[in-house]
Amino acid sequence: MPLLPELIALNFSLPTDATVADLARVFAGDAKVRDKTRAYGGLDAIRAWRIDTMARTPFIARPLSVETPDGIVIVLAEVTGAFPGSPVVLDHRFTLNNDRIAALEIA
């Protein structure tokens, strides 16, 4: 596994059903997540997205590489799970603000 920034590594290690308090250790209170064409804002919405996504299509994400151009942390991760075409490599783009994730885009 590549050497990930501590905050990003913590994000990948959180359990699916992490509490809002757990997520607050990683995400800013007003953080935004975009997963394909849907967007979620705030810790409650991010928690619901995580739980719903795993319930519909269980998966495991294994980071393969990390780059940090222009202040954005880009992690390529192999995602293996119960969905057609598994495994796939997805681009996870993290925008950090101080000591929290302000935005995450998965494509």
Protein backbone atom coordinates (compact mmCIF):
# COMPACT_ATOMS: atom_id res chain seq x y z
CA MET A 1 0.00 0.00 0.00
CA PRO A 2 1.30 3.47 -0.80
CA LEU A 3 2.18 5.88 1.99
CA LEU A 4 -1.02 7.88 2.40
CA PRO A 5 -1.37 11.09 4.39
CA GLU A 6 -2.66 10.13 7.85
CA LEU A 7 -6.08 11.72 7.34
CA ILE A 8 -6.61 9.92 4.02
CA ALA A 9 -5.49 6.58 5.48
CA LEU A 10 -7.94 7.07 8.33
CA ASN A 11 -10.74 7.68 5.82
CA PHE A 12 -10.01 4.39 4.06
CA SER A 13 -9.92 2.52 7.39
CA LEU A 14 -13.20 3.83 8.85
CA PRO A 15 -15.91 1.19 9.20
CA THR A 16 -18.90 1.56 6.91
CA ASP A 17 -21.19 2.31 9.83
CA ALA A 18 -18.87 4.91 11.36
CA THR A 19 -20.70 7.31 13.63
CA VAL A 20 -21.01 11.01 12.88
CA ALA A 21 -18.43 11.56 15.64
CA ASP A 22 -16.03 9.16 13.85
CA LEU A 23 -16.59 10.98 10.55
CA ALA A 24 -15.97 14.34 12.27
CA ARG A 25 -12.40 13.18 12.97
CA VAL A 26 -11.88 12.96 9.20
CA PHE A 27 -14.36 15.26 7.44
CA ALA A 28 -15.13 18.94 7.98
CA GLY A 29 -18.67 19.55 9.22
CA ASP A 30 -19.67 21.05 5.88
CA ALA A 31 -17.72 18.54 3.74
CA LYS A 32 -19.02 17.53 0.34
CA VAL A 33 -18.78 14.12 -1.33
CA ARG A 34 -19.48 13.50 -5.01
CA ASP A 35 -19.83 9.85 -6.00
CA LYS A 36 -20.34 9.68 -9.76
CA THR A 37 -23.36 11.92 -10.40
CA ARG A 38 -24.66 12.34 -6.84
CA ALA A 39 -23.49 14.83 -4.25
CA TYR A 40 -23.80 14.73 -0.48
CA GLY A 41 -23.14 17.55 1.95
CA GLY A 42 -22.57 17.45 5.70
CA LEU A 43 -21.67 14.63 8.06
CA ASP A 44 -25.17 13.14 8.38
CA ALA A 45 -25.55 12.89 4.59
CA ILE A 46 -22.04 11.45 4.19
CA ARG A 47 -22.77 8.82 6.85
CA ALA A 48 -26.06 7.86 5.17
CA TRP A 49 -24.29 7.63 1.78
CA ARG A 50 -21.61 5.32 3.18
CA ILE A 51 -24.13 2.99 4.81
CA ASP A 52 -26.47 2.94 1.79
CA THR A 53 -23.67 2.35 -0.71
CA MET A 54 -22.26 -0.59 1.24
CA ALA A 55 -25.73 -2.09 1.76
CA ARG A 56 -26.48 -1.96 -1.98
CA THR A 57 -23.05 -2.98 -3.30
CA PRO A 58 -20.58 -4.23 -0.68
CA PHE A 59 -16.99 -3.48 -1.68
CA ILE A 60 -13.41 -3.17 -0.51
CA ALA A 61 -11.20 -0.26 -1.65
CA ARG A 62 -7.45 -0.86 -1.75
CA PRO A 63 -5.31 2.23 -2.38
CA LEU A 64 -2.78 1.70 -5.18
CA SER A 65 -1.08 5.07 -5.54
CA VAL A 66 -1.15 8.62 -4.25
CA GLU A 67 -0.27 11.96 -5.87
CA THR A 68 -0.61 15.49 -4.54
CA PRO A 69 -0.78 17.97 -7.45
CA ASP A 70 -1.95 21.50 -6.69
CA GLY A 71 -2.91 20.73 -3.09
CA ILE A 72 -5.32 17.94 -4.03
CA VAL A 73 -4.62 14.40 -2.83
CA ILE A 74 -5.43 11.92 -5.60
CA VAL A 75 -5.63 8.27 -4.59
CA LEU A 76 -6.15 5.57 -7.18
CA ALA A 77 -7.87 2.65 -5.47
CA GLU A 78 -8.84 -0.80 -6.67
CA VAL A 79 -12.47 -1.34 -5.71
CA THR A 80 -13.60 -4.95 -5.54
CA GLY A 81 -17.14 -5.93 -4.72
CA ALA A 82 -20.57 -7.19 -5.65
CA PHE A 83 -21.06 -5.18 -8.83
CA PRO A 84 -20.63 -5.78 -12.57
CA GLY A 85 -17.11 -5.21 -13.84
CA SER A 86 -15.46 -5.73 -10.45
CA PRO A 87 -12.70 -4.93 -9.78
CA VAL A 88 -12.36 -1.37 -11.05
CA VAL A 89 -9.81 1.34 -10.35
CA LEU A 90 -11.43 4.55 -9.15
CA ASP A 91 -9.96 7.99 -8.73
CA HIS A 92 -10.51 9.47 -5.23
CA ARG A 93 -9.78 13.22 -5.17
CA PHE A 94 -9.49 14.71 -1.70
CA THR A 95 -9.47 18.43 -1.00
CA LEU A 96 -8.15 19.18 2.47
CA ASN A 97 -8.91 22.20 4.59
CA ASN A 98 -6.75 22.54 7.68
CA ASP A 99 -6.88 19.14 9.34
CA ARG A 100 -10.04 17.73 7.72
CA ILE A 101 -11.33 16.53 4.34
CA ALA A 102 -13.39 19.37 2.83
CA ALA A 103 -14.32 17.51 -0.35
CA LEU A 104 -14.06 14.04 -1.85
CA GLU A 105 -14.84 13.23 -5.47
CA ILE A 106 -14.93 9.61 -6.60
CA ALA A 107 -14.86 8.86 -10.33
